[in-house]
């Protein structure tokens, strides 16, 4: 099996469920994807880091940071950063808070000292549905002076997120789509 096939197996085993849920957007869905079950799994996290790093390297160099909104992005950004170090091309991870720190510096981004002003970054996500959370991460990163090259998601639910982001000039790349995950098991 390839690393991609191994990761798909872990996703189907740990993160994918066919059941009715209400999504963050308020929409109902018969498909639930809990990416953290995969990205916090030892081998699943490693594979996620490997595949995200490979996808990150397809953006025009240099990529100087990977991160996104806490919590879904946290293990992905960390795994990608660790793999980048192992590959000899270190890329620091960062985390975007959902609200600024209420004490100390009041910062929005953790890991900021690893990013120079104007750093070229990639936003990472576990799942993209409507694209709203991804766009919040993109906007916050831009407000913090970072140049966003695009977004990489573990799973694109294929529910308009890609189109939403592209209409706003943001490229979405996905390791897997809902169609792939929900396919033959």
N, C-alpha and C. Protein backbone atom coordinates (compact mmCIF):
# COMPACT_ATOMS: atom_id res chain seq x y z
N UNK A 1 0.83 -1.20 0.00
CA UNK A 1 0.00 0.00 0.00
C UNK A 1 0.87 1.26 0.00
N UNK A 2 0.38 2.28 -0.66
CA UNK A 2 1.08 3.57 -0.63
C UNK A 2 0.72 4.30 0.67
N UNK A 3 1.47 5.35 0.98
CA UNK A 3 1.16 6.15 2.16
C UNK A 3 -0.24 6.75 2.05
N UNK A 4 -0.62 7.18 0.86
CA UNK A 4 -1.95 7.76 0.64
C UNK A 4 -3.03 6.71 0.92
N UNK A 5 -2.83 5.49 0.45
CA UNK A 5 -3.79 4.42 0.70
C UNK A 5 -3.86 4.08 2.18
N UNK A 6 -2.71 4.06 2.84
CA UNK A 6 -2.69 3.81 4.29
C UNK A 6 -3.48 4.89 5.02
N UNK A 7 -3.27 6.16 4.63
CA UNK A 7 -3.97 7.25 5.30
C UNK A 7 -5.47 7.15 5.04
N UNK A 8 -5.86 6.82 3.83
CA UNK A 8 -7.29 6.65 3.53
C UNK A 8 -7.89 5.56 4.41
N UNK A 9 -7.17 4.47 4.61
CA UNK A 9 -7.65 3.38 5.46
C UNK A 9 -7.88 3.89 6.89
N UNK A 10 -6.93 4.65 7.41
CA UNK A 10 -7.05 5.19 8.78
C UNK A 10 -8.23 6.16 8.86
N UNK A 11 -8.37 7.02 7.86
CA UNK A 11 -9.49 7.97 7.84
C UNK A 11 -10.81 7.22 7.87
N UNK A 12 -10.94 6.23 7.02
CA UNK A 12 -12.20 5.48 6.97
C UNK A 12 -12.46 4.74 8.29
N UNK A 13 -11.41 4.27 8.91
CA UNK A 13 -11.56 3.53 10.17
C UNK A 13 -11.86 4.44 11.35
N UNK A 14 -11.17 5.59 11.43
CA UNK A 14 -11.26 6.43 12.63
C UNK A 14 -12.06 7.72 12.48
N UNK A 15 -12.12 8.30 11.29
CA UNK A 15 -12.66 9.65 11.15
C UNK A 15 -13.97 9.76 10.39
N UNK A 16 -14.32 8.77 9.62
CA UNK A 16 -15.49 8.85 8.74
C UNK A 16 -16.66 8.09 9.34
N UNK A 17 -17.81 8.76 9.39
CA UNK A 17 -19.03 8.10 9.85
C UNK A 17 -20.20 8.54 8.98
N UNK A 18 -21.05 7.59 8.64
CA UNK A 18 -22.28 7.93 7.94
C UNK A 18 -23.38 8.00 8.99
N UNK A 19 -23.73 9.21 9.35
CA UNK A 19 -24.80 9.48 10.30
C UNK A 19 -25.21 10.94 10.15
N UNK A 20 -26.42 11.26 10.60
CA UNK A 20 -26.89 12.64 10.47
C UNK A 20 -26.25 13.51 11.54
N UNK A 21 -25.72 14.64 11.10
CA UNK A 21 -25.10 15.61 12.00
C UNK A 21 -25.46 17.01 11.55
N UNK A 22 -25.33 17.96 12.48
CA UNK A 22 -25.46 19.37 12.13
C UNK A 22 -24.06 19.95 12.12
N UNK A 23 -23.67 20.52 10.99
CA UNK A 23 -22.33 21.07 10.81
C UNK A 23 -22.22 22.47 11.41
N UNK A 24 -20.99 22.96 11.53
CA UNK A 24 -20.73 24.30 12.04
C UNK A 24 -21.53 25.34 11.27
N UNK A 25 -21.69 25.11 9.96
CA UNK A 25 -22.43 26.04 9.11
C UNK A 25 -23.92 26.04 9.40
N UNK A 26 -24.41 25.06 10.20
CA UNK A 26 -25.83 24.93 10.47
C UNK A 26 -26.53 23.95 9.53
N UNK A 27 -25.82 23.54 8.49
CA UNK A 27 -26.39 22.59 7.54
C UNK A 27 -26.45 21.20 8.15
N UNK A 28 -27.39 20.40 7.67
CA UNK A 28 -27.49 18.99 8.05
C UNK A 28 -26.67 18.17 7.05
N UNK A 29 -26.09 17.09 7.53
CA UNK A 29 -25.32 16.22 6.65
C UNK A 29 -25.47 14.78 7.12
N UNK A 30 -25.35 13.84 6.19
CA UNK A 30 -25.37 12.42 6.56
C UNK A 30 -23.96 11.84 6.62
N UNK A 31 -22.97 12.73 6.59
CA UNK A 31 -21.56 12.33 6.56
C UNK A 31 -20.84 13.15 7.60
N UNK A 32 -20.17 12.48 8.51
CA UNK A 32 -19.40 13.19 9.53
C UNK A 32 -17.94 12.82 9.38
N UNK A 33 -17.10 13.83 9.45
CA UNK A 33 -15.66 13.61 9.36
C UNK A 33 -15.00 14.29 10.55
N UNK A 34 -14.40 13.50 11.42
CA UNK A 34 -13.67 14.01 12.58
C UNK A 34 -12.19 13.79 12.31
N UNK A 35 -11.57 14.75 11.65
CA UNK A 35 -10.18 14.62 11.23
C UNK A 35 -9.20 14.42 12.35
N UNK A 36 -9.50 14.97 13.53
CA UNK A 36 -8.56 14.85 14.65
C UNK A 36 -8.35 13.41 15.07
N UNK A 37 -9.34 12.55 14.85
CA UNK A 37 -9.15 11.13 15.18
C UNK A 37 -8.01 10.53 14.36
N UNK A 38 -7.85 11.00 13.15
CA UNK A 38 -6.76 10.55 12.27
C UNK A 38 -5.47 11.31 12.54
N UNK A 39 -5.56 12.63 12.63
CA UNK A 39 -4.33 13.43 12.74
C UNK A 39 -3.67 13.31 14.11
N UNK A 40 -4.41 12.86 15.12
CA UNK A 40 -3.83 12.64 16.44
C UNK A 40 -3.42 11.18 16.67
N UNK A 41 -3.64 10.34 15.69
CA UNK A 41 -3.20 8.95 15.71
C UNK A 41 -1.72 8.94 15.30
N UNK A 42 -0.89 8.15 15.92
CA UNK A 42 0.54 8.17 15.63
C UNK A 42 0.88 8.03 14.16
N UNK A 43 0.45 6.93 13.55
CA UNK A 43 0.77 6.69 12.15
C UNK A 43 -0.06 7.62 11.25
N UNK A 44 -1.32 7.87 11.63
CA UNK A 44 -2.16 8.78 10.85
C UNK A 44 -1.59 10.19 10.82
N UNK A 45 -1.09 10.64 11.97
CA UNK A 45 -0.48 11.97 12.03
C UNK A 45 0.77 12.04 11.19
N UNK A 46 1.59 10.99 11.26
CA UNK A 46 2.82 10.94 10.46
C UNK A 46 2.49 11.00 8.97
N UNK A 47 1.53 10.17 8.55
CA UNK A 47 1.15 10.16 7.14
C UNK A 47 0.56 11.50 6.71
N UNK A 48 -0.25 12.10 7.58
CA UNK A 48 -0.81 13.42 7.30
C UNK A 48 0.32 14.41 7.06
N UNK A 49 1.31 14.40 7.95
CA UNK A 49 2.46 15.29 7.79
C UNK A 49 3.19 15.05 6.48
N UNK A 50 3.38 13.80 6.12
CA UNK A 50 4.08 13.46 4.87
C UNK A 50 3.32 13.98 3.65
N UNK A 51 2.01 13.73 3.61
CA UNK A 51 1.23 14.12 2.43
C UNK A 51 1.02 15.64 2.37
N UNK A 52 0.84 16.28 3.52
CA UNK A 52 0.71 17.74 3.53
C UNK A 52 2.03 18.39 3.14
N UNK A 53 3.14 17.84 3.63
CA UNK A 53 4.44 18.40 3.25
C UNK A 53 4.63 18.29 1.73
N UNK A 54 4.33 17.13 1.16
CA UNK A 54 4.47 16.95 -0.29
C UNK A 54 3.60 17.95 -1.05
N UNK A 55 2.39 18.16 -0.58
CA UNK A 55 1.49 19.11 -1.24
C UNK A 55 1.98 20.54 -1.06
N UNK A 56 2.49 20.85 0.12
CA UNK A 56 3.04 22.18 0.39
C UNK A 56 4.18 22.50 -0.56
N UNK A 57 5.00 21.50 -0.86
CA UNK A 57 6.15 21.71 -1.74
C UNK A 57 5.75 21.99 -3.19
N UNK A 58 4.47 21.82 -3.52
CA UNK A 58 4.00 22.12 -4.87
C UNK A 58 3.69 23.61 -5.06
N UNK A 59 3.61 24.36 -3.94
CA UNK A 59 3.42 25.81 -4.05
C UNK A 59 4.75 26.43 -4.45
N UNK A 60 4.70 27.61 -5.07
CA UNK A 60 5.96 28.27 -5.43
C UNK A 60 6.81 28.54 -4.18
N UNK A 61 8.06 28.16 -4.24
CA UNK A 61 8.98 28.34 -3.11
C UNK A 61 9.29 29.81 -2.93
N UNK A 62 9.64 30.25 -1.76
CA UNK A 62 9.71 29.45 -0.54
C UNK A 62 8.39 29.49 0.23
N UNK A 63 8.04 28.36 0.87
CA UNK A 63 6.95 28.32 1.83
C UNK A 63 7.62 28.47 3.19
N UNK A 64 7.18 29.48 3.95
CA UNK A 64 7.88 29.83 5.18
C UNK A 64 7.08 29.56 6.45
N UNK A 65 5.91 28.94 6.30
CA UNK A 65 5.10 28.59 7.46
C UNK A 65 3.87 27.81 7.05
N UNK A 66 3.40 26.94 7.96
CA UNK A 66 2.15 26.21 7.76
C UNK A 66 1.34 26.32 9.05
N UNK A 67 0.07 26.62 8.91
CA UNK A 67 -0.77 26.73 10.10
C UNK A 67 -2.20 27.03 9.74
N UNK A 68 -3.02 27.14 10.77
CA UNK A 68 -4.43 27.43 10.56
C UNK A 68 -5.13 27.62 11.87
N UNK A 69 -6.48 27.64 11.79
CA UNK A 69 -7.29 27.87 12.97
C UNK A 69 -7.18 26.69 13.94
N UNK A 70 -7.01 27.04 15.21
CA UNK A 70 -7.02 26.01 16.24
C UNK A 70 -8.42 25.42 16.31
N UNK A 71 -8.61 24.22 16.43
CA UNK A 71 -7.85 23.07 16.80
C UNK A 71 -7.58 22.15 15.62
N UNK A 72 -8.46 22.15 14.64
CA UNK A 72 -8.29 21.20 13.55
C UNK A 72 -6.95 21.28 12.86
N UNK A 73 -6.40 22.48 12.75
CA UNK A 73 -5.13 22.66 12.05
C UNK A 73 -3.92 22.31 12.91
N UNK A 74 -4.08 22.33 14.23
CA UNK A 74 -2.92 22.18 15.12
C UNK A 74 -2.09 20.93 14.85
N UNK A 75 -2.69 19.73 14.89
CA UNK A 75 -1.86 18.54 14.65
C UNK A 75 -1.34 18.46 13.22
N UNK A 76 -2.08 19.00 12.26
CA UNK A 76 -1.65 18.97 10.85
C UNK A 76 -0.43 19.86 10.67
N UNK A 77 -0.50 21.08 11.19
CA UNK A 77 0.62 22.01 11.05
C UNK A 77 1.86 21.45 11.74
N UNK A 78 1.68 20.89 12.93
CA UNK A 78 2.82 20.32 13.67
C UNK A 78 3.43 19.15 12.92
N UNK A 79 2.59 18.23 12.44
CA UNK A 79 3.10 17.06 11.71
C UNK A 79 3.82 17.49 10.44
N UNK A 80 3.26 18.46 9.73
CA UNK A 80 3.88 18.94 8.49
C UNK A 80 5.24 19.58 8.79
N UNK A 81 5.30 20.36 9.86
CA UNK A 81 6.55 21.00 10.25
C UNK A 81 7.62 19.97 10.62
N UNK A 82 7.22 18.96 11.37
CA UNK A 82 8.19 17.92 11.76
C UNK A 82 8.70 17.17 10.53
N UNK A 83 7.79 16.80 9.63
CA UNK A 83 8.22 16.11 8.41
C UNK A 83 9.14 17.01 7.59
N UNK A 84 8.84 18.30 7.52
CA UNK A 84 9.70 19.21 6.75
C UNK A 84 11.11 19.22 7.32
N UNK A 85 11.23 19.18 8.63
CA UNK A 85 12.54 19.12 9.27
C UNK A 85 13.26 17.82 8.91
N UNK A 86 12.52 16.71 8.98
CA UNK A 86 13.12 15.41 8.64
C UNK A 86 13.57 15.35 7.18
N UNK A 87 12.89 16.12 6.33
CA UNK A 87 13.22 16.16 4.90
C UNK A 87 14.33 17.17 4.60
N UNK A 88 14.81 17.88 5.63
CA UNK A 88 15.91 18.83 5.44
C UNK A 88 15.50 20.19 4.93
N UNK A 89 14.19 20.48 4.96
CA UNK A 89 13.69 21.78 4.50
C UNK A 89 12.68 22.31 5.53
N UNK A 90 13.17 22.68 6.72
CA UNK A 90 12.27 23.02 7.82
C UNK A 90 11.32 24.18 7.52
N UNK A 91 10.05 23.94 7.84
CA UNK A 91 9.00 24.94 7.73
C UNK A 91 8.33 25.03 9.10
N UNK A 92 8.35 26.20 9.74
CA UNK A 92 7.71 26.29 11.05
C UNK A 92 6.19 26.23 10.98
N UNK A 93 5.61 25.72 12.06
CA UNK A 93 4.16 25.69 12.20
C UNK A 93 3.71 26.91 12.98
N UNK A 94 2.45 27.29 12.78
CA UNK A 94 1.84 28.34 13.59
C UNK A 94 0.37 28.00 13.80
N UNK A 95 -0.19 28.61 14.83
CA UNK A 95 -1.59 28.37 15.19
C UNK A 95 -2.30 29.72 15.24
N UNK A 96 -3.47 29.79 14.62
CA UNK A 96 -4.28 31.00 14.67
C UNK A 96 -5.37 30.78 15.71
N UNK A 97 -5.39 31.65 16.70
CA UNK A 97 -6.40 31.57 17.75
C UNK A 97 -7.76 32.00 17.19
N UNK A 98 -8.83 31.53 17.82
CA UNK A 98 -10.17 31.95 17.41
C UNK A 98 -10.51 33.33 17.95
N UNK A 99 -9.80 33.72 18.99
CA UNK A 99 -9.90 35.09 19.53
C UNK A 99 -8.54 35.42 20.12
N UNK A 100 -8.23 36.71 20.22
CA UNK A 100 -6.88 37.05 20.71
C UNK A 100 -6.68 36.62 22.16
N UNK A 101 -5.44 36.38 22.49
CA UNK A 101 -5.06 36.03 23.85
C UNK A 101 -5.56 37.14 24.78
N UNK A 102 -6.19 36.77 25.87
CA UNK A 102 -6.81 37.77 26.76
C UNK A 102 -5.82 38.38 27.75
N UNK A 103 -4.60 37.86 27.78
CA UNK A 103 -3.60 38.40 28.70
C UNK A 103 -2.26 38.47 27.96
N UNK A 104 -1.28 39.02 28.60
CA UNK A 104 0.04 39.11 27.98
C UNK A 104 0.03 39.97 26.73
N UNK A 105 0.42 39.39 25.62
CA UNK A 105 0.59 40.15 24.38
C UNK A 105 -0.69 40.36 23.58
N UNK A 106 -1.75 39.62 23.90
CA UNK A 106 -2.99 39.75 23.14
C UNK A 106 -2.87 39.26 21.71
N UNK A 107 -1.95 38.36 21.47
CA UNK A 107 -1.68 37.92 20.10
C UNK A 107 -2.73 36.95 19.56
N UNK A 108 -2.85 36.98 18.23
CA UNK A 108 -3.74 36.07 17.50
C UNK A 108 -3.00 34.81 17.06
N UNK A 109 -1.70 34.93 16.79
CA UNK A 109 -0.95 33.82 16.23
C UNK A 109 0.10 33.32 17.22
N UNK A 110 0.08 32.01 17.46
CA UNK A 110 1.11 31.36 18.27
C UNK A 110 2.20 30.87 17.31
N UNK A 111 3.45 30.97 17.75
CA UNK A 111 4.56 30.59 16.88
C UNK A 111 5.03 31.75 16.02
N UNK A 112 4.58 32.93 16.35
CA UNK A 112 4.85 34.13 15.54
C UNK A 112 6.35 34.43 15.39
N UNK A 113 7.14 34.16 16.44
CA UNK A 113 8.57 34.47 16.37
C UNK A 113 9.29 33.64 15.32
N UNK A 114 8.67 32.56 14.87
CA UNK A 114 9.26 31.73 13.81
C UNK A 114 8.96 32.25 12.42
N UNK A 115 8.11 33.28 12.33
CA UNK A 115 7.67 33.80 11.04
C UNK A 115 8.14 35.25 10.88
N UNK A 116 8.88 35.51 9.83
CA UNK A 116 9.30 36.90 9.57
C UNK A 116 8.12 37.67 8.99
N UNK A 117 8.15 39.00 9.12
CA UNK A 117 7.07 39.80 8.50
C UNK A 117 6.98 39.49 7.00
N UNK A 118 5.75 39.31 6.52
CA UNK A 118 5.55 39.01 5.11
C UNK A 118 5.81 37.57 4.73
N UNK A 119 6.01 36.69 5.72
CA UNK A 119 6.29 35.27 5.43
C UNK A 119 5.22 34.68 4.53
N UNK A 120 5.66 33.82 3.63
CA UNK A 120 4.76 33.12 2.69
C UNK A 120 4.30 31.83 3.37
N UNK A 121 2.97 31.72 3.60
CA UNK A 121 2.44 30.62 4.39
C UNK A 121 1.33 29.87 3.65
N UNK A 122 1.11 28.65 4.11
CA UNK A 122 0.01 27.82 3.62
C UNK A 122 -0.90 27.54 4.81
N UNK A 123 -2.20 27.75 4.61
CA UNK A 123 -3.19 27.45 5.64
C UNK A 123 -3.58 25.97 5.51
N UNK A 124 -3.64 25.27 6.64
CA UNK A 124 -4.02 23.86 6.63
C UNK A 124 -5.30 23.66 7.43
N UNK A 125 -6.09 22.69 6.99
CA UNK A 125 -7.40 22.38 7.58
C UNK A 125 -7.60 20.88 7.60
N UNK A 126 -8.41 20.39 8.56
CA UNK A 126 -8.75 18.98 8.50
C UNK A 126 -9.89 18.75 7.50
N UNK A 127 -10.87 19.64 7.50
CA UNK A 127 -11.98 19.49 6.56
C UNK A 127 -12.47 20.85 6.11
N UNK A 128 -12.84 20.94 4.83
CA UNK A 128 -13.43 22.16 4.28
C UNK A 128 -14.84 21.81 3.81
N UNK A 129 -15.81 22.58 4.30
CA UNK A 129 -17.20 22.39 3.88
C UNK A 129 -17.62 23.60 3.04
N UNK A 130 -17.93 24.70 3.70
CA UNK A 130 -18.35 25.91 2.98
C UNK A 130 -17.17 26.83 2.67
N UNK A 131 -16.05 26.61 3.35
CA UNK A 131 -14.88 27.46 3.16
C UNK A 131 -14.81 28.62 4.12
N UNK A 132 -15.82 28.80 4.96
CA UNK A 132 -15.87 29.93 5.87
C UNK A 132 -14.72 29.94 6.87
N UNK A 133 -14.45 28.82 7.51
CA UNK A 133 -13.35 28.76 8.49
C UNK A 133 -12.01 28.97 7.81
N UNK A 134 -11.84 28.39 6.64
CA UNK A 134 -10.59 28.57 5.90
C UNK A 134 -10.38 30.04 5.58
N UNK A 135 -11.45 30.72 5.15
CA UNK A 135 -11.33 32.12 4.79
C UNK A 135 -11.01 32.97 6.02
N UNK A 136 -11.60 32.62 7.18
CA UNK A 136 -11.26 33.34 8.42
C UNK A 136 -9.77 33.21 8.70
N UNK A 137 -9.22 32.02 8.53
CA UNK A 137 -7.79 31.81 8.76
C UNK A 137 -6.96 32.62 7.77
N UNK A 138 -7.36 32.62 6.51
CA UNK A 138 -6.65 33.38 5.49
C UNK A 138 -6.67 34.87 5.84
N UNK A 139 -7.84 35.38 6.17
CA UNK A 139 -7.97 36.81 6.49
C UNK A 139 -7.15 37.18 7.72
N UNK A 140 -7.19 36.35 8.77
CA UNK A 140 -6.43 36.64 9.98
C UNK A 140 -4.93 36.63 9.68
N UNK A 141 -4.49 35.63 8.91
CA UNK A 141 -3.06 35.57 8.56
C UNK A 141 -2.65 36.81 7.78
N UNK A 142 -3.48 37.23 6.85
CA UNK A 142 -3.18 38.45 6.07
C UNK A 142 -3.15 39.68 6.96
N UNK A 143 -4.12 39.78 7.88
CA UNK A 143 -4.15 40.92 8.81
C UNK A 143 -2.89 40.96 9.68
N UNK A 144 -2.29 39.80 9.90
CA UNK A 144 -1.06 39.71 10.71
C UNK A 144 0.19 39.90 9.85
N UNK A 145 -0.01 40.26 8.56
CA UNK A 145 1.12 40.58 7.70
C UNK A 145 1.74 39.40 6.98
N UNK A 146 1.04 38.27 6.92
CA UNK A 146 1.56 37.08 6.24
C UNK A 146 0.99 37.02 4.82
N UNK A 147 1.75 36.44 3.91
CA UNK A 147 1.29 36.23 2.54
C UNK A 147 0.78 34.80 2.42
N UNK A 148 -0.50 34.64 2.16
CA UNK A 148 -1.11 33.31 2.09
C UNK A 148 -1.04 32.81 0.65
N UNK A 149 -0.41 31.65 0.48
CA UNK A 149 -0.26 31.04 -0.85
C UNK A 149 -1.47 30.19 -1.23
N UNK A 150 -2.16 29.65 -0.24
CA UNK A 150 -3.32 28.80 -0.50
C UNK A 150 -3.67 28.00 0.73
N UNK A 151 -4.65 27.10 0.54
CA UNK A 151 -5.17 26.26 1.62
C UNK A 151 -5.03 24.80 1.20
N UNK A 152 -4.63 23.95 2.15
CA UNK A 152 -4.63 22.51 1.93
C UNK A 152 -5.54 21.89 2.99
N UNK A 153 -6.46 21.04 2.55
CA UNK A 153 -7.37 20.35 3.46
C UNK A 153 -7.13 18.85 3.39
N UNK A 154 -7.32 18.18 4.51
CA UNK A 154 -7.26 16.73 4.50
C UNK A 154 -8.43 16.19 3.69
N UNK A 155 -9.64 16.75 3.92
CA UNK A 155 -10.83 16.33 3.17
C UNK A 155 -11.61 17.56 2.72
N UNK A 156 -11.92 17.60 1.44
CA UNK A 156 -12.85 18.59 0.87
C UNK A 156 -14.21 17.92 0.81
N UNK A 157 -15.18 18.42 1.58
CA UNK A 157 -16.52 17.82 1.61
C UNK A 157 -17.28 18.03 0.30
N UNK A 158 -16.71 18.81 -0.61
CA UNK A 158 -17.34 19.08 -1.91
C UNK A 158 -18.73 19.70 -1.74
N UNK A 159 -18.81 20.68 -0.83
CA UNK A 159 -20.08 21.36 -0.57
C UNK A 159 -19.96 22.87 -0.77
N UNK A 160 -19.12 23.26 -1.73
CA UNK A 160 -19.03 24.67 -2.09
C UNK A 160 -17.81 25.40 -1.55
N UNK A 161 -17.05 24.78 -0.67
CA UNK A 161 -15.89 25.44 -0.09
C UNK A 161 -14.84 25.83 -1.11
N UNK A 162 -14.56 24.93 -2.04
CA UNK A 162 -13.55 25.21 -3.07
C UNK A 162 -13.97 26.43 -3.89
N UNK A 163 -15.22 26.45 -4.32
CA UNK A 163 -15.71 27.56 -5.13
C UNK A 163 -15.70 28.87 -4.33
N UNK A 164 -16.13 28.80 -3.07
CA UNK A 164 -16.15 29.98 -2.20
C UNK A 164 -14.74 30.58 -2.09
N UNK A 165 -13.75 29.74 -1.84
CA UNK A 165 -12.38 30.22 -1.70
C UNK A 165 -11.84 30.75 -3.02
N UNK A 166 -12.07 30.01 -4.10
CA UNK A 166 -11.55 30.42 -5.40
C UNK A 166 -12.16 31.75 -5.86
N UNK A 167 -13.45 32.00 -5.53
CA UNK A 167 -14.08 33.28 -5.86
C UNK A 167 -13.36 34.43 -5.16
N UNK A 168 -12.67 34.13 -4.08
CA UNK A 168 -11.95 35.13 -3.29
C UNK A 168 -10.45 35.08 -3.55
N UNK A 169 -10.08 34.37 -4.61
CA UNK A 169 -8.68 34.32 -5.03
C UNK A 169 -7.79 33.41 -4.21
N UNK A 170 -8.39 32.45 -3.50
CA UNK A 170 -7.62 31.53 -2.66
C UNK A 170 -7.73 30.12 -3.23
N UNK A 171 -6.58 29.52 -3.52
CA UNK A 171 -6.56 28.16 -4.06
C UNK A 171 -6.74 27.14 -2.95
N UNK A 172 -7.61 26.15 -3.18
CA UNK A 172 -7.80 25.03 -2.25
C UNK A 172 -7.27 23.77 -2.89
N UNK A 173 -6.40 23.10 -2.16
CA UNK A 173 -5.92 21.77 -2.56
C UNK A 173 -6.38 20.80 -1.48
N UNK A 174 -6.79 19.62 -1.86
CA UNK A 174 -7.26 18.63 -0.90
C UNK A 174 -6.52 17.32 -1.09
N UNK A 175 -6.17 16.71 0.03
CA UNK A 175 -5.54 15.39 -0.02
C UNK A 175 -6.59 14.37 -0.48
N UNK A 176 -7.81 14.50 0.05
CA UNK A 176 -8.93 13.62 -0.32
C UNK A 176 -10.18 14.47 -0.50
N UNK A 177 -11.13 13.93 -1.27
CA UNK A 177 -12.46 14.53 -1.38
C UNK A 177 -13.46 13.62 -0.67
N UNK A 178 -14.62 14.18 -0.39
CA UNK A 178 -15.70 13.39 0.22
C UNK A 178 -16.00 12.17 -0.65
N UNK A 179 -16.04 12.36 -1.96
CA UNK A 179 -16.33 11.26 -2.87
C UNK A 179 -15.34 10.11 -2.70
N UNK A 180 -14.08 10.46 -2.53
CA UNK A 180 -13.05 9.43 -2.33
C UNK A 180 -13.22 8.72 -1.00
N UNK A 181 -13.44 9.49 0.06
CA UNK A 181 -13.58 8.91 1.39
C UNK A 181 -14.82 8.03 1.48
N UNK A 182 -15.93 8.49 0.91
CA UNK A 182 -17.18 7.77 0.99
C UNK A 182 -17.26 6.62 -0.02
N UNK A 183 -16.26 6.52 -0.90
CA UNK A 183 -16.25 5.48 -1.92
C UNK A 183 -16.10 4.09 -1.35
N UNK A 184 -15.80 3.17 -2.21
CA UNK A 184 -15.66 1.75 -1.84
C UNK A 184 -14.75 1.58 -0.63
N UNK A 185 -15.26 0.91 0.37
CA UNK A 185 -14.48 0.65 1.56
C UNK A 185 -14.11 -0.80 1.57
